[in-house]
Amino acid sequence: MPPFTRPPKPHYLSYRIARGEQGVLTYEPYKSHLLPHWRFRTPQLARTSAETLYQHFLSFFEQGDFVGMDMARKFIQMGMTRAKRYANYEGGRKY
C-alpha cells in the first residue's frame, strides 16, 4: 500500500466529529487507507489488526493529523465491538 498523504485542507476541514463510530466508513481517503487492516474474525486476526491500526494511530499522531487519529480510533473501537460479537455468538450473527 502506498504511503498515506493527507487530503487537501478544504476536504480535511469538512470532517465532522461524530459520536461513537459514526462516519468511519464514509470519509475518504482515510477509509481506504485503514479498512484493509480491519480484521476481527479470529482472536489472532483481531490482535494483529488492532496492533496495525494502533501503529497507524501513532503515525497520524506524529503527523499532527487529528482526523486520521480519530478514524484509526474508530476502527479500533469497531473492531473491539465486532470481536466481542464473534466471541458471544456463533458465527458472529446476533439474530
C-alpha atoms as a PDB file:
ATOM      1  CA  MET A   1       0.000   0.000   0.000  1.00  0.00           C
ATOM      2  CA  PRO A   2       1.410   3.432  -0.909  1.00  0.00           C
ATOM      3  CA  PRO A   3       2.187   5.871   1.892  1.00  0.00           C
ATOM      4  CA  PHE A   4      -0.729   7.927   3.094  1.00  0.00           C
ATOM      5  CA  THR A   5      -0.994  11.547   2.038  1.00  0.00           C
ATOM      6  CA  ARG A   6      -3.240  13.921   3.895  1.00  0.00           C
ATOM      7  CA  PRO A   7      -6.153  15.294   1.848  1.00  0.00           C
ATOM      8  CA  PRO A   8      -6.223  18.956   0.795  1.00  0.00           C
ATOM      9  CA  LYS A   9      -7.151  21.406   3.526  1.00  0.00           C
ATOM     10  CA  PRO A  10     -10.719  22.163   2.318  1.00  0.00           C
ATOM     11  CA  HIS A  11     -11.530  18.445   2.304  1.00  0.00           C
ATOM     12  CA  TYR A  12      -9.735  17.896   5.603  1.00  0.00           C
ATOM     13  CA  LEU A  13     -11.737  20.666   7.250  1.00  0.00           C
ATOM     14  CA  SER A  14     -15.019  19.122   6.078  1.00  0.00           C
ATOM     15  CA  TYR A  15     -14.602  16.277   8.593  1.00  0.00           C
ATOM     16  CA  ARG A  16     -17.299  16.311  11.239  1.00  0.00           C
ATOM     17  CA  ILE A  17     -16.628  14.728  14.586  1.00  0.00           C
ATOM     18  CA  ALA A  18     -19.419  12.283  15.332  1.00  0.00           C
ATOM     19  CA  ARG A  19     -20.340  10.203  18.326  1.00  0.00           C
ATOM     20  CA  GLY A  20     -19.085   6.654  18.569  1.00  0.00           C
ATOM     21  CA  GLU A  21     -18.300   5.026  15.256  1.00  0.00           C
ATOM     22  CA  GLN A  22     -20.415   7.232  13.008  1.00  0.00           C
ATOM     23  CA  GLY A  23     -18.875   8.284   9.722  1.00  0.00           C
ATOM     24  CA  VAL A  24     -15.991   5.859   9.848  1.00  0.00           C
ATOM     25  CA  LEU A  25     -16.871   4.105   6.597  1.00  0.00           C
ATOM     26  CA  THR A  26     -17.605   7.259   4.631  1.00  0.00           C
ATOM     27  CA  TYR A  27     -14.676   9.651   4.984  1.00  0.00           C
ATOM     28  CA  GLU A  28     -12.066   9.185   2.279  1.00  0.00           C
ATOM     29  CA  PRO A  29      -9.087   8.781   1.926  1.00  0.00           C
ATOM     30  CA  TYR A  30      -8.796   7.525   5.496  1.00  0.00           C
ATOM     31  CA  LYS A  31     -11.376   4.783   4.976  1.00  0.00           C
ATOM     32  CA  SER A  32      -9.468   3.262   2.057  1.00  0.00           C
ATOM     33  CA  HIS A  33      -6.210   3.509   3.970  1.00  0.00           C
ATOM     34  CA  LEU A  34      -7.429   1.850   7.181  1.00  0.00           C
ATOM     35  CA  LEU A  35     -10.145  -0.555   6.033  1.00  0.00           C
ATOM     36  CA  PRO A  36      -7.785  -3.220   4.594  1.00  0.00           C
ATOM     37  CA  HIS A  37      -6.237  -3.605   8.062  1.00  0.00           C
ATOM     38  CA  TRP A  38      -9.561  -4.048   9.863  1.00  0.00           C
ATOM     39  CA  ARG A  39      -9.993  -7.767  10.666  1.00  0.00           C
ATOM     40  CA  PHE A  40     -11.627  -9.374  13.665  1.00  0.00           C
ATOM     41  CA  ARG A  41     -12.963 -12.832  12.834  1.00  0.00           C
ATOM     42  CA  THR A  42     -10.403 -14.747  14.920  1.00  0.00           C
ATOM     43  CA  PRO A  43      -8.517 -13.657  18.043  1.00  0.00           C
ATOM     44  CA  GLN A  44      -5.193 -13.677  16.188  1.00  0.00           C
ATOM     45  CA  LEU A  45      -6.555 -11.609  13.298  1.00  0.00           C
ATOM     46  CA  ALA A  46      -8.147  -9.167  15.735  1.00  0.00           C
ATOM     47  CA  ARG A  47      -4.916  -8.798  17.698  1.00  0.00           C
ATOM     48  CA  THR A  48      -2.851  -8.206  14.560  1.00  0.00           C
ATOM     49  CA  SER A  49      -5.436  -5.772  13.236  1.00  0.00           C
ATOM     50  CA  ALA A  50      -5.521  -3.807  16.483  1.00  0.00           C
ATOM     51  CA  GLU A  51      -1.733  -3.547  16.554  1.00  0.00           C
ATOM     52  CA  THR A  52      -1.597  -2.381  12.939  1.00  0.00           C
ATOM     53  CA  LEU A  53      -4.366   0.168  13.416  1.00  0.00           C
ATOM     54  CA  TYR A  54      -2.687   1.448  16.567  1.00  0.00           C
ATOM     55  CA  GLN A  55       0.548   1.942  14.620  1.00  0.00           C
ATOM     56  CA  HIS A  56      -1.437   3.984  12.102  1.00  0.00           C
ATOM     57  CA  PHE A  57      -2.899   5.963  15.005  1.00  0.00           C
ATOM     58  CA  LEU A  58       0.608   6.747  16.272  1.00  0.00           C
ATOM     59  CA  SER A  59       1.733   7.677  12.776  1.00  0.00           C
ATOM     60  CA  PHE A  60      -1.161  10.112  12.437  1.00  0.00           C
ATOM     61  CA  PHE A  61      -0.280  11.495  15.879  1.00  0.00           C
ATOM     62  CA  GLU A  62       3.304  12.152  14.793  1.00  0.00           C
ATOM     63  CA  GLN A  63       1.981  13.997  11.735  1.00  0.00           C
ATOM     64  CA  GLY A  64      -0.438  16.039  13.837  1.00  0.00           C
ATOM     65  CA  ASP A  65      -3.334  14.592  11.843  1.00  0.00           C
ATOM     66  CA  PHE A  66      -6.302  14.677  14.215  1.00  0.00           C
ATOM     67  CA  VAL A  67      -8.754  13.324  11.643  1.00  0.00           C
ATOM     68  CA  GLY A  68      -6.525  10.322  10.961  1.00  0.00           C
ATOM     69  CA  MET A  69      -6.162   9.698  14.684  1.00  0.00           C
ATOM     70  CA  ASP A  70      -9.932   9.830  15.161  1.00  0.00           C
ATOM     71  CA  MET A  71     -10.558   7.500  12.230  1.00  0.00           C
ATOM     72  CA  ALA A  72      -7.968   4.975  13.462  1.00  0.00           C
ATOM     73  CA  ARG A  73      -9.513   5.121  16.940  1.00  0.00           C
ATOM     74  CA  LYS A  74     -12.951   4.451  15.472  1.00  0.00           C
ATOM     75  CA  PHE A  75     -11.699   1.435  13.512  1.00  0.00           C
ATOM     76  CA  ILE A  76     -10.082   0.030  16.665  1.00  0.00           C
ATOM     77  CA  GLN A  77     -13.299   0.607  18.610  1.00  0.00           C
ATOM     78  CA  MET A  78     -15.407  -1.021  15.890  1.00  0.00           C
ATOM     79  CA  GLY A  79     -13.062  -3.999  15.787  1.00  0.00           C
ATOM     80  CA  MET A  80     -13.440  -4.464  19.517  1.00  0.00           C
ATOM     81  CA  THR A  81     -17.232  -4.448  19.357  1.00  0.00           C
ATOM     82  CA  ARG A  82     -17.272  -6.829  16.379  1.00  0.00           C
ATOM     83  CA  ALA A  83     -14.765  -9.177  18.007  1.00  0.00           C
ATOM     84  CA  LYS A  84     -16.975  -9.321  21.101  1.00  0.00           C
ATOM     85  CA  ARG A  85     -19.889 -10.249  18.888  1.00  0.00           C
ATOM     86  CA  TYR A  86     -17.924 -13.144  17.389  1.00  0.00           C
ATOM     87  CA  ALA A  87     -16.960 -14.261  20.880  1.00  0.00           C
ATOM     88  CA  ASN A  88     -20.552 -14.167  22.134  1.00  0.00           C
ATOM     89  CA  TYR A  89     -22.438 -15.502  19.106  1.00  0.00           C
ATOM     90  CA  GLU A  90     -21.566 -18.483  16.947  1.00  0.00           C
ATOM     91  CA  GLY A  91     -20.648 -17.173  13.507  1.00  0.00           C
ATOM     92  CA  GLY A  92     -20.940 -13.575  14.715  1.00  0.00           C
ATOM     93  CA  ARG A  93     -24.658 -13.350  13.987  1.00  0.00           C
ATOM     94  CA  LYS A  94     -26.802 -11.837  16.691  1.00  0.00           C
ATOM     95  CA  TYR A  95     -30.125 -12.705  15.109  1.00  0.00           C
END
